[in-house]
Amino acid sequence: MNTWVIKDKIKNGTISFEIGDEVVIFWRKGNGYPSLINDDKVYRVDNIENEILYVRERNEKSFKKMPIRVHKTYMVPLYVIREIKLNSLLDETKLI
C-alpha cells in the first residue's frame, strides 16, 4: 500500500488511535525526525491530545521516564500493519 494512502487515512480519521493501542514508526522526515522513536520498537499510546500522541515503549514498566511526544502521522497502529500484510498475502494467492 502506498504511504500517501496510509497518511491520508490517518488524517481523515479512517485509521484512528486510542489509548492503549500498540503503534510503530511509519515514516520519518528527511532529517530523521522523530529521532527519539526507534524503528525496531513497539510503543503503547499513553495519551492523545488532538494530533499529538504520547507514547512509551511497550515493555517499559517504569513510569519514571517521560512519554515521547510525536505527531500521529508518523505512527501507525499494529493492526493496520497486520491488515496490509494479510491483504498482500491474499493478493499473491489469487495470482496462483
C-alpha atoms as a PDB file:
ATOM      1  CA  MET A   1       0.000   0.000   0.000  1.00  0.00           C
ATOM      2  CA  ASN A   2       1.222   3.458  -0.865  1.00  0.00           C
ATOM      3  CA  THR A   3       2.485   5.560   2.058  1.00  0.00           C
ATOM      4  CA  TRP A   4       0.362   8.505   0.938  1.00  0.00           C
ATOM      5  CA  VAL A   5      -2.763   6.361   1.202  1.00  0.00           C
ATOM      6  CA  ILE A   6      -1.990   5.461   4.801  1.00  0.00           C
ATOM      7  CA  LYS A   7      -1.109   9.060   5.728  1.00  0.00           C
ATOM      8  CA  ASP A   8      -4.351  10.241   4.136  1.00  0.00           C
ATOM      9  CA  LYS A   9      -6.353   7.634   6.079  1.00  0.00           C
ATOM     10  CA  ILE A  10      -4.727   8.837   9.329  1.00  0.00           C
ATOM     11  CA  LYS A  11      -5.552  12.476   8.541  1.00  0.00           C
ATOM     12  CA  ASN A  12      -9.153  11.642   7.530  1.00  0.00           C
ATOM     13  CA  GLY A  13      -9.729   9.583  10.666  1.00  0.00           C
ATOM     14  CA  THR A  14     -10.202   6.246   8.894  1.00  0.00           C
ATOM     15  CA  ILE A  15      -7.219   4.998  10.880  1.00  0.00           C
ATOM     16  CA  SER A  16      -7.736   6.148  14.447  1.00  0.00           C
ATOM     17  CA  PHE A  17      -5.753   5.869  17.649  1.00  0.00           C
ATOM     18  CA  GLU A  18      -6.945   5.007  21.136  1.00  0.00           C
ATOM     19  CA  ILE A  19      -5.182   4.966  24.477  1.00  0.00           C
ATOM     20  CA  GLY A  20      -3.517   1.590  24.911  1.00  0.00           C
ATOM     21  CA  ASP A  21      -3.018   0.940  21.168  1.00  0.00           C
ATOM     22  CA  GLU A  22       0.284  -0.569  20.106  1.00  0.00           C
ATOM     23  CA  VAL A  23       1.955   1.533  17.420  1.00  0.00           C
ATOM     24  CA  VAL A  24       5.163   1.508  15.374  1.00  0.00           C
ATOM     25  CA  ILE A  25       7.019   4.189  13.441  1.00  0.00           C
ATOM     26  CA  PHE A  26       5.610   4.526   9.945  1.00  0.00           C
ATOM     27  CA  TRP A  27       7.824   7.138   8.294  1.00  0.00           C
ATOM     28  CA  ARG A  28      10.396   9.798   9.102  1.00  0.00           C
ATOM     29  CA  LYS A  29      11.290  13.194   7.749  1.00  0.00           C
ATOM     30  CA  GLY A  30      14.475  13.546   5.744  1.00  0.00           C
ATOM     31  CA  ASN A  31      16.267  14.956   8.803  1.00  0.00           C
ATOM     32  CA  GLY A  32      15.423  11.849  10.887  1.00  0.00           C
ATOM     33  CA  TYR A  33      12.558  13.299  12.930  1.00  0.00           C
ATOM     34  CA  PRO A  34      11.200  11.801  15.204  1.00  0.00           C
ATOM     35  CA  SER A  35      14.648  10.829  16.413  1.00  0.00           C
ATOM     36  CA  LEU A  36      13.540   9.523  19.824  1.00  0.00           C
ATOM     37  CA  ILE A  37      11.460   6.761  18.219  1.00  0.00           C
ATOM     38  CA  ASN A  38      13.333   3.560  17.292  1.00  0.00           C
ATOM     39  CA  ASP A  39      12.490   1.557  14.177  1.00  0.00           C
ATOM     40  CA  ASP A  40      12.541  -1.842  15.856  1.00  0.00           C
ATOM     41  CA  LYS A  41      10.413  -0.966  18.921  1.00  0.00           C
ATOM     42  CA  VAL A  42       6.694  -1.250  19.571  1.00  0.00           C
ATOM     43  CA  TYR A  43       5.164   1.630  21.519  1.00  0.00           C
ATOM     44  CA  ARG A  44       1.960   1.941  23.515  1.00  0.00           C
ATOM     45  CA  VAL A  45      -0.193   5.096  23.357  1.00  0.00           C
ATOM     46  CA  ASP A  46      -0.396   6.729  26.806  1.00  0.00           C
ATOM     47  CA  ASN A  47      -2.316   9.866  25.927  1.00  0.00           C
ATOM     48  CA  ILE A  48      -3.786  11.648  22.913  1.00  0.00           C
ATOM     49  CA  GLU A  49      -4.104  15.419  22.546  1.00  0.00           C
ATOM     50  CA  ASN A  50      -5.609  16.480  19.207  1.00  0.00           C
ATOM     51  CA  GLU A  51      -2.954  15.458  16.639  1.00  0.00           C
ATOM     52  CA  ILE A  52      -0.269  14.519  19.184  1.00  0.00           C
ATOM     53  CA  LEU A  53       0.385  11.038  20.596  1.00  0.00           C
ATOM     54  CA  TYR A  54       2.263  10.430  23.827  1.00  0.00           C
ATOM     55  CA  VAL A  55       3.896   7.008  23.569  1.00  0.00           C
ATOM     56  CA  ARG A  56       6.128   4.764  25.681  1.00  0.00           C
ATOM     57  CA  GLU A  57       7.935   1.563  24.820  1.00  0.00           C
ATOM     58  CA  ARG A  58       5.552  -1.371  25.118  1.00  0.00           C
ATOM     59  CA  ASN A  59       7.644  -3.341  27.636  1.00  0.00           C
ATOM     60  CA  GLU A  60       8.562  -0.343  29.761  1.00  0.00           C
ATOM     61  CA  LYS A  61       7.498  -0.974  33.366  1.00  0.00           C
ATOM     62  CA  SER A  62       8.972   2.190  34.829  1.00  0.00           C
ATOM     63  CA  PHE A  63       6.842   5.308  34.733  1.00  0.00           C
ATOM     64  CA  LYS A  64       9.832   7.465  35.703  1.00  0.00           C
ATOM     65  CA  LYS A  65      10.620   8.019  32.038  1.00  0.00           C
ATOM     66  CA  MET A  66       8.588  10.694  30.322  1.00  0.00           C
ATOM     67  CA  PRO A  67       6.456   9.602  27.374  1.00  0.00           C
ATOM     68  CA  ILE A  68       7.636  10.602  23.914  1.00  0.00           C
ATOM     69  CA  ARG A  69       5.554  13.259  22.151  1.00  0.00           C
ATOM     70  CA  VAL A  70       5.046  12.592  18.429  1.00  0.00           C
ATOM     71  CA  HIS A  71       2.579  13.678  15.739  1.00  0.00           C
ATOM     72  CA  LYS A  72       0.129  10.912  14.828  1.00  0.00           C
ATOM     73  CA  THR A  73       1.042  10.886  11.113  1.00  0.00           C
ATOM     74  CA  TYR A  74       4.449   9.371  11.956  1.00  0.00           C
ATOM     75  CA  MET A  75       2.968   6.358  13.742  1.00  0.00           C
ATOM     76  CA  VAL A  76       0.643   3.578  12.640  1.00  0.00           C
ATOM     77  CA  PRO A  77      -1.229   1.006  14.791  1.00  0.00           C
ATOM     78  CA  LEU A  78      -0.056  -2.593  14.588  1.00  0.00           C
ATOM     79  CA  TYR A  79      -3.453  -3.790  13.367  1.00  0.00           C
ATOM     80  CA  VAL A  80      -3.004  -1.698  10.209  1.00  0.00           C
ATOM     81  CA  ILE A  81       0.383  -3.308   9.509  1.00  0.00           C
ATOM     82  CA  ARG A  82      -1.142  -6.766  10.024  1.00  0.00           C
ATOM     83  CA  GLU A  83      -4.018  -5.911   7.711  1.00  0.00           C
ATOM     84  CA  ILE A  84      -1.647  -4.719   4.969  1.00  0.00           C
ATOM     85  CA  LYS A  85       0.442  -7.904   5.226  1.00  0.00           C
ATOM     86  CA  LEU A  86      -2.620 -10.162   5.159  1.00  0.00           C
ATOM     87  CA  ASN A  87      -4.042  -8.364   2.130  1.00  0.00           C
ATOM     88  CA  SER A  88      -0.741  -8.684   0.273  1.00  0.00           C
ATOM     89  CA  LEU A  89      -0.630 -12.422   1.021  1.00  0.00           C
ATOM     90  CA  LEU A  90      -4.202 -12.868  -0.150  1.00  0.00           C
ATOM     91  CA  ASP A  91      -3.445 -10.951  -3.339  1.00  0.00           C
ATOM     92  CA  GLU A  92      -0.476 -13.226  -4.024  1.00  0.00           C
ATOM     93  CA  THR A  93      -2.610 -16.368  -3.638  1.00  0.00           C
ATOM     94  CA  LYS A  94      -5.167 -15.022  -6.106  1.00  0.00           C
ATOM     95  CA  LEU A  95      -2.484 -14.846  -8.774  1.00  0.00           C
ATOM     96  CA  ILE A  96      -1.664 -18.559  -8.477  1.00  0.00           C
END
